[in-house]
Amino acid sequence: MENNDSSGKKNDGPLFDDPKGLFSETLKKVFTTGVSAAFMTEESVRSYLQELKLPKEILNVIIQSANKSKDDITQRVSKEIIGIFNKIDWISELSKFAETHKFKISAEIDIIKKEVKVERVEVTKDSE
């Protein structure tokens, strides 16, 4: 099967050889990987995409995009959590908690005798 790109050049390669839609299947897998890559390690993404036999340039672009997405998600979640924590009146909340709870403190104390080293001193009688 012969495929031409928009410039009229003939495209020969593993992506274009399959008349049953390998190209569309590959695109679906790449897209799904791109979305789920934010939750995968770089090695997981790399090994998954290598099964698709994509060119290295495309692999690198997808992995860079996945890393950027992961960083963006982490940053946004962090900002949201910090925003929520900043809205909490900690003194008021801890006061309410202390009013409705009892505190029980248990301790165990052991007193252990120290081992005392006894030095022997030899006394010798000097002869005159």
N, C-alpha and C. Protein backbone atom coordinates (compact mmCIF):
# COMPACT_ATOMS: atom_id res chain seq x y z
N MET A 1 0.85 -1.18 0.00
CA MET A 1 0.00 0.00 0.00
C MET A 1 0.89 1.23 0.00
N GLU A 2 0.61 2.18 -0.84
CA GLU A 2 1.42 3.38 -0.97
C GLU A 2 0.70 4.54 -0.31
N ASN A 3 1.41 5.24 0.58
CA ASN A 3 0.86 6.40 1.25
C ASN A 3 1.70 7.61 0.92
N ASN A 4 1.05 8.73 0.69
CA ASN A 4 1.76 9.97 0.43
C ASN A 4 1.42 10.96 1.52
N ASP A 5 2.42 11.73 1.96
CA ASP A 5 2.12 12.77 2.93
C ASP A 5 1.65 14.02 2.19
N SER A 6 1.42 15.11 2.91
CA SER A 6 0.85 16.31 2.31
C SER A 6 1.78 16.94 1.26
N SER A 7 3.08 16.64 1.29
CA SER A 7 3.99 17.21 0.31
C SER A 7 4.09 16.33 -0.93
N GLY A 8 3.41 15.19 -0.96
CA GLY A 8 3.41 14.32 -2.11
C GLY A 8 4.51 13.27 -2.08
N LYS A 9 5.33 13.27 -1.00
CA LYS A 9 6.39 12.29 -0.90
C LYS A 9 5.82 10.94 -0.50
N LYS A 10 6.45 9.89 -1.00
CA LYS A 10 6.01 8.55 -0.67
C LYS A 10 6.48 8.21 0.73
N ASN A 11 5.60 7.69 1.57
CA ASN A 11 5.95 7.30 2.93
C ASN A 11 6.10 5.79 2.99
N ASP A 12 7.31 5.34 3.18
CA ASP A 12 7.55 3.92 3.39
C ASP A 12 8.05 3.74 4.81
N GLY A 13 7.51 2.84 5.49
CA GLY A 13 7.95 2.58 6.87
C GLY A 13 6.96 1.68 7.53
N PRO A 14 7.32 1.20 8.73
CA PRO A 14 6.46 0.25 9.43
C PRO A 14 5.09 0.81 9.79
N LEU A 15 5.00 2.13 9.97
CA LEU A 15 3.70 2.70 10.34
C LEU A 15 2.72 2.70 9.17
N PHE A 16 3.24 2.76 7.95
CA PHE A 16 2.37 2.91 6.79
C PHE A 16 2.19 1.62 6.00
N ASP A 17 2.84 0.54 6.38
CA ASP A 17 2.77 -0.71 5.63
C ASP A 17 1.48 -1.49 5.85
N ASP A 18 0.86 -1.34 6.99
CA ASP A 18 -0.29 -2.16 7.36
C ASP A 18 -1.59 -1.54 6.86
N PRO A 19 -2.29 -2.22 5.95
CA PRO A 19 -3.56 -1.68 5.45
C PRO A 19 -4.68 -1.77 6.49
N LYS A 20 -4.48 -2.49 7.59
CA LYS A 20 -5.55 -2.69 8.58
C LYS A 20 -5.58 -1.59 9.65
N GLY A 21 -4.77 -0.56 9.51
CA GLY A 21 -4.88 0.56 10.45
C GLY A 21 -3.85 0.55 11.55
N LEU A 22 -2.65 0.07 11.29
CA LEU A 22 -1.60 0.09 12.30
C LEU A 22 -1.30 1.52 12.72
N PHE A 23 -1.33 2.42 11.75
CA PHE A 23 -1.03 3.82 12.05
C PHE A 23 -2.04 4.38 13.05
N SER A 24 -3.34 4.14 12.83
CA SER A 24 -4.34 4.67 13.75
C SER A 24 -4.24 4.00 15.12
N GLU A 25 -3.93 2.72 15.13
CA GLU A 25 -3.75 2.03 16.41
C GLU A 25 -2.55 2.59 17.17
N THR A 26 -1.49 2.85 16.43
CA THR A 26 -0.29 3.42 17.05
C THR A 26 -0.59 4.80 17.62
N LEU A 27 -1.31 5.61 16.87
CA LEU A 27 -1.68 6.93 17.36
C LEU A 27 -2.52 6.83 18.63
N LYS A 28 -3.46 5.90 18.65
CA LYS A 28 -4.28 5.71 19.86
C LYS A 28 -3.42 5.35 21.05
N LYS A 29 -2.47 4.41 20.85
CA LYS A 29 -1.60 3.99 21.94
C LYS A 29 -0.71 5.14 22.41
N VAL A 30 -0.18 5.91 21.47
CA VAL A 30 0.68 7.04 21.83
C VAL A 30 -0.13 8.06 22.62
N PHE A 31 -1.34 8.35 22.18
CA PHE A 31 -2.18 9.33 22.88
C PHE A 31 -2.52 8.84 24.28
N THR A 32 -2.92 7.57 24.41
CA THR A 32 -3.25 7.05 25.73
C THR A 32 -2.03 7.02 26.63
N THR A 33 -0.90 6.70 26.06
CA THR A 33 0.33 6.72 26.85
C THR A 33 0.65 8.13 27.29
N GLY A 34 0.46 9.09 26.41
CA GLY A 34 0.72 10.48 26.77
C GLY A 34 -0.14 10.94 27.93
N VAL A 35 -1.38 10.52 27.96
CA VAL A 35 -2.28 10.90 29.04
C VAL A 35 -1.91 10.17 30.34
N SER A 36 -1.64 8.87 30.23
CA SER A 36 -1.33 8.10 31.44
C SER A 36 0.12 8.22 31.86
N ALA A 37 0.97 8.78 31.01
CA ALA A 37 2.40 8.88 31.33
C ALA A 37 2.66 9.77 32.53
N ALA A 38 1.74 10.64 32.84
CA ALA A 38 1.91 11.50 34.01
C ALA A 38 1.97 10.67 35.29
N PHE A 39 1.48 9.46 35.23
CA PHE A 39 1.47 8.60 36.41
C PHE A 39 2.45 7.44 36.29
N MET A 40 3.30 7.46 35.26
CA MET A 40 4.26 6.39 35.02
C MET A 40 5.68 6.93 35.16
N THR A 41 6.62 6.05 35.45
CA THR A 41 8.02 6.46 35.47
C THR A 41 8.51 6.58 34.04
N GLU A 42 9.61 7.29 33.88
CA GLU A 42 10.17 7.48 32.53
C GLU A 42 10.53 6.13 31.92
N GLU A 43 11.07 5.22 32.71
CA GLU A 43 11.44 3.90 32.19
C GLU A 43 10.21 3.12 31.74
N SER A 44 9.12 3.23 32.48
CA SER A 44 7.88 2.54 32.08
C SER A 44 7.37 3.06 30.75
N VAL A 45 7.37 4.37 30.60
CA VAL A 45 6.92 4.97 29.35
C VAL A 45 7.82 4.54 28.20
N ARG A 46 9.13 4.61 28.44
CA ARG A 46 10.10 4.25 27.40
C ARG A 46 9.92 2.80 26.96
N SER A 47 9.79 1.88 27.93
CA SER A 47 9.65 0.46 27.56
C SER A 47 8.33 0.20 26.84
N TYR A 48 7.27 0.87 27.26
CA TYR A 48 5.97 0.70 26.61
C TYR A 48 6.01 1.20 25.17
N LEU A 49 6.61 2.36 24.97
CA LEU A 49 6.64 2.96 23.64
C LEU A 49 7.62 2.24 22.71
N GLN A 50 8.65 1.62 23.25
CA GLN A 50 9.60 0.91 22.41
C GLN A 50 8.95 -0.30 21.74
N GLU A 51 7.90 -0.83 22.37
CA GLU A 51 7.15 -1.93 21.75
C GLU A 51 6.47 -1.46 20.46
N LEU A 52 6.18 -0.18 20.36
CA LEU A 52 5.50 0.35 19.18
C LEU A 52 6.46 0.60 18.03
N LYS A 53 7.75 0.49 18.28
CA LYS A 53 8.78 0.68 17.27
C LYS A 53 8.69 2.05 16.60
N LEU A 54 8.61 3.07 17.44
CA LEU A 54 8.57 4.44 16.95
C LEU A 54 10.00 4.95 16.79
N PRO A 55 10.20 5.95 15.94
CA PRO A 55 11.52 6.56 15.81
C PRO A 55 11.96 7.20 17.13
N LYS A 56 13.28 7.25 17.34
CA LYS A 56 13.81 7.80 18.59
C LYS A 56 13.37 9.23 18.84
N GLU A 57 13.30 10.02 17.79
CA GLU A 57 12.92 11.42 17.95
C GLU A 57 11.51 11.53 18.54
N ILE A 58 10.61 10.71 18.02
CA ILE A 58 9.23 10.73 18.52
C ILE A 58 9.19 10.24 19.96
N LEU A 59 9.94 9.18 20.25
CA LEU A 59 10.02 8.67 21.63
C LEU A 59 10.47 9.77 22.59
N ASN A 60 11.54 10.47 22.21
CA ASN A 60 12.07 11.52 23.07
C ASN A 60 11.08 12.65 23.27
N VAL A 61 10.37 13.04 22.22
CA VAL A 61 9.37 14.11 22.33
C VAL A 61 8.24 13.67 23.28
N ILE A 62 7.79 12.45 23.14
CA ILE A 62 6.70 11.95 24.00
C ILE A 62 7.17 11.88 25.46
N ILE A 63 8.38 11.42 25.68
CA ILE A 63 8.90 11.31 27.05
C ILE A 63 9.09 12.69 27.66
N GLN A 64 9.61 13.64 26.89
CA GLN A 64 9.75 15.01 27.39
C GLN A 64 8.39 15.61 27.72
N SER A 65 7.43 15.34 26.86
CA SER A 65 6.07 15.84 27.09
C SER A 65 5.47 15.21 28.35
N ALA A 66 5.72 13.92 28.53
CA ALA A 66 5.21 13.23 29.72
C ALA A 66 5.85 13.80 30.98
N ASN A 67 7.14 14.06 30.94
CA ASN A 67 7.82 14.64 32.10
C ASN A 67 7.29 16.03 32.42
N LYS A 68 7.04 16.82 31.37
CA LYS A 68 6.50 18.17 31.57
C LYS A 68 5.09 18.09 32.17
N SER A 69 4.28 17.16 31.66
CA SER A 69 2.93 16.99 32.19
C SER A 69 2.97 16.57 33.65
N LYS A 70 3.87 15.66 33.97
CA LYS A 70 4.01 15.19 35.35
C LYS A 70 4.40 16.34 36.27
N ASP A 71 5.34 17.17 35.82
CA ASP A 71 5.76 18.33 36.62
C ASP A 71 4.62 19.31 36.80
N ASP A 72 3.85 19.57 35.73
CA ASP A 72 2.71 20.49 35.81
C ASP A 72 1.66 19.98 36.80
N ILE A 73 1.35 18.70 36.71
CA ILE A 73 0.34 18.13 37.62
C ILE A 73 0.81 18.22 39.06
N THR A 74 2.07 17.87 39.30
CA THR A 74 2.62 17.93 40.66
C THR A 74 2.57 19.35 41.20
N GLN A 75 2.93 20.31 40.36
CA GLN A 75 2.92 21.71 40.79
C GLN A 75 1.50 22.19 41.10
N ARG A 76 0.55 21.84 40.26
CA ARG A 76 -0.83 22.27 40.49
C ARG A 76 -1.42 21.64 41.74
N VAL A 77 -1.17 20.34 41.94
CA VAL A 77 -1.69 19.67 43.13
C VAL A 77 -1.06 20.28 44.38
N SER A 78 0.24 20.55 44.32
CA SER A 78 0.93 21.17 45.47
C SER A 78 0.32 22.52 45.80
N LYS A 79 0.07 23.34 44.78
CA LYS A 79 -0.52 24.66 45.00
C LYS A 79 -1.91 24.53 45.64
N GLU A 80 -2.69 23.57 45.16
CA GLU A 80 -4.04 23.38 45.72
C GLU A 80 -3.97 22.96 47.18
N ILE A 81 -3.09 22.04 47.50
CA ILE A 81 -2.96 21.57 48.89
C ILE A 81 -2.50 22.70 49.79
N ILE A 82 -1.52 23.47 49.33
CA ILE A 82 -1.03 24.61 50.12
C ILE A 82 -2.16 25.63 50.32
N GLY A 83 -2.95 25.87 49.27
CA GLY A 83 -4.08 26.80 49.38
C GLY A 83 -5.10 26.33 50.41
N ILE A 84 -5.38 25.04 50.41
CA ILE A 84 -6.33 24.49 51.39
C ILE A 84 -5.77 24.62 52.80
N PHE A 85 -4.50 24.28 52.98
CA PHE A 85 -3.88 24.37 54.31
C PHE A 85 -3.82 25.81 54.81
N ASN A 86 -3.61 26.74 53.90
CA ASN A 86 -3.54 28.15 54.31
C ASN A 86 -4.89 28.68 54.76
N LYS A 87 -5.99 28.10 54.29
CA LYS A 87 -7.33 28.55 54.66
C LYS A 87 -7.78 28.02 56.03
N ILE A 88 -7.08 27.03 56.54
CA ILE A 88 -7.48 26.41 57.81
C ILE A 88 -7.00 27.27 58.98
N ASP A 89 -7.91 27.51 59.93
CA ASP A 89 -7.55 28.20 61.17
C ASP A 89 -7.10 27.12 62.16
N TRP A 90 -5.81 26.88 62.18
CA TRP A 90 -5.27 25.75 62.95
C TRP A 90 -5.52 25.89 64.44
N ILE A 91 -5.40 27.08 64.97
CA ILE A 91 -5.61 27.28 66.41
C ILE A 91 -7.04 26.94 66.78
N SER A 92 -7.99 27.42 65.99
CA SER A 92 -9.40 27.15 66.26
C SER A 92 -9.69 25.65 66.14
N GLU A 93 -9.18 25.03 65.10
CA GLU A 93 -9.43 23.59 64.89
C GLU A 93 -8.81 22.75 66.01
N LEU A 94 -7.60 23.08 66.40
CA LEU A 94 -6.96 22.32 67.50
C LEU A 94 -7.67 22.56 68.83
N SER A 95 -8.19 23.77 69.03
CA SER A 95 -8.95 24.05 70.25
C SER A 95 -10.22 23.21 70.29
N LYS A 96 -10.94 23.14 69.16
CA LYS A 96 -12.14 22.30 69.09
C LYS A 96 -11.79 20.84 69.37
N PHE A 97 -10.71 20.40 68.81
CA PHE A 97 -10.28 19.01 69.00
C PHE A 97 -9.97 18.76 70.47
N ALA A 98 -9.25 19.69 71.10
CA ALA A 98 -8.86 19.52 72.50
C ALA A 98 -10.08 19.54 73.42
N GLU A 99 -11.12 20.31 73.06
CA GLU A 99 -12.33 20.38 73.88
C GLU A 99 -13.14 19.09 73.84
N THR A 100 -13.04 18.35 72.75
CA THR A 100 -13.87 17.14 72.60
C THR A 100 -13.09 15.84 72.80
N HIS A 101 -11.85 15.94 73.19
CA HIS A 101 -11.05 14.74 73.39
C HIS A 101 -10.30 14.79 74.71
N LYS A 102 -10.05 13.61 75.25
CA LYS A 102 -9.21 13.51 76.44
C LYS A 102 -7.83 13.06 75.99
N PHE A 103 -6.85 13.48 76.74
CA PHE A 103 -5.49 13.07 76.43
C PHE A 103 -5.01 12.13 77.51
N LYS A 104 -4.46 11.03 77.12
CA LYS A 104 -3.91 10.07 78.06
C LYS A 104 -2.43 9.89 77.70
N ILE A 105 -1.61 10.15 78.69
CA ILE A 105 -0.18 10.02 78.47
C ILE A 105 0.32 8.90 79.37
N SER A 106 0.98 7.94 78.79
CA SER A 106 1.53 6.82 79.55
C SER A 106 3.05 6.86 79.41
N ALA A 107 3.69 6.54 80.51
CA ALA A 107 5.14 6.51 80.48
C ALA A 107 5.62 5.35 81.34
N GLU A 108 6.72 4.82 80.98
CA GLU A 108 7.33 3.75 81.76
C GLU A 108 8.77 4.17 82.04
N ILE A 109 9.11 4.14 83.32
CA ILE A 109 10.45 4.56 83.70
C ILE A 109 11.14 3.39 84.39
N ASP A 110 12.28 3.04 83.92
CA ASP A 110 13.10 2.00 84.53
C ASP A 110 14.35 2.65 85.10
N ILE A 111 14.65 2.31 86.35
CA ILE A 111 15.88 2.80 86.95
C ILE A 111 16.83 1.62 87.02
N ILE A 112 17.96 1.80 86.38
CA ILE A 112 18.93 0.72 86.27
C ILE A 112 20.23 1.16 86.94
N LYS A 113 20.74 0.26 87.75
CA LYS A 113 21.97 0.56 88.46
C LYS A 113 23.14 0.54 87.48
N LYS A 114 24.01 1.54 87.63
CA LYS A 114 25.18 1.61 86.78
C LYS A 114 26.18 0.55 87.22
N GLU A 115 26.90 0.06 86.27
CA GLU A 115 27.99 -0.83 86.60
C GLU A 115 29.19 0.03 86.96
N VAL A 116 29.72 -0.22 88.14
CA VAL A 116 30.85 0.57 88.61
C VAL A 116 32.11 -0.26 88.42
N LYS A 117 33.07 0.34 87.77
CA LYS A 117 34.34 -0.34 87.59
C LYS A 117 35.20 -0.09 88.82
N VAL A 118 35.68 -1.13 89.37
CA VAL A 118 36.56 -1.01 90.54
C VAL A 118 37.97 -1.24 90.05
N GLU A 119 38.82 -0.26 90.33
CA GLU A 119 40.21 -0.40 89.94
C GLU A 119 40.97 -0.95 91.13
N ARG A 120 41.79 -1.91 90.86
CA ARG A 120 42.62 -2.47 91.92
C ARG A 120 43.91 -1.68 91.98
N VAL A 121 44.20 -1.30 93.13
CA VAL A 121 45.46 -0.59 93.34
C VAL A 121 46.35 -1.51 94.17
N GLU A 122 47.48 -1.76 93.64
CA GLU A 122 48.42 -2.61 94.37
C GLU A 122 49.30 -1.74 95.23
N VAL A 123 49.36 -2.11 96.43
CA VAL A 123 50.21 -1.38 97.36
C VAL A 123 51.41 -2.27 97.67
N THR A 124 52.56 -1.72 97.46
CA THR A 124 53.77 -2.47 97.75
C THR A 124 54.53 -1.79 98.88
N LYS A 125 55.11 -2.60 99.63
CA LYS A 125 55.87 -2.08 100.75
C LYS A 125 57.30 -1.90 100.28
N ASP A 126 57.79 -0.69 100.44
CA ASP A 126 59.15 -0.41 100.03
C ASP A 126 60.11 -0.83 101.14
N SER A 127 61.15 -1.50 100.79
CA SER A 127 62.15 -1.86 101.79
C SER A 127 63.12 -0.71 101.95
N GLU A 128 63.50 -0.55 103.20
CA GLU A 128 64.39 0.55 103.47
C GLU A 128 65.80 0.13 103.48
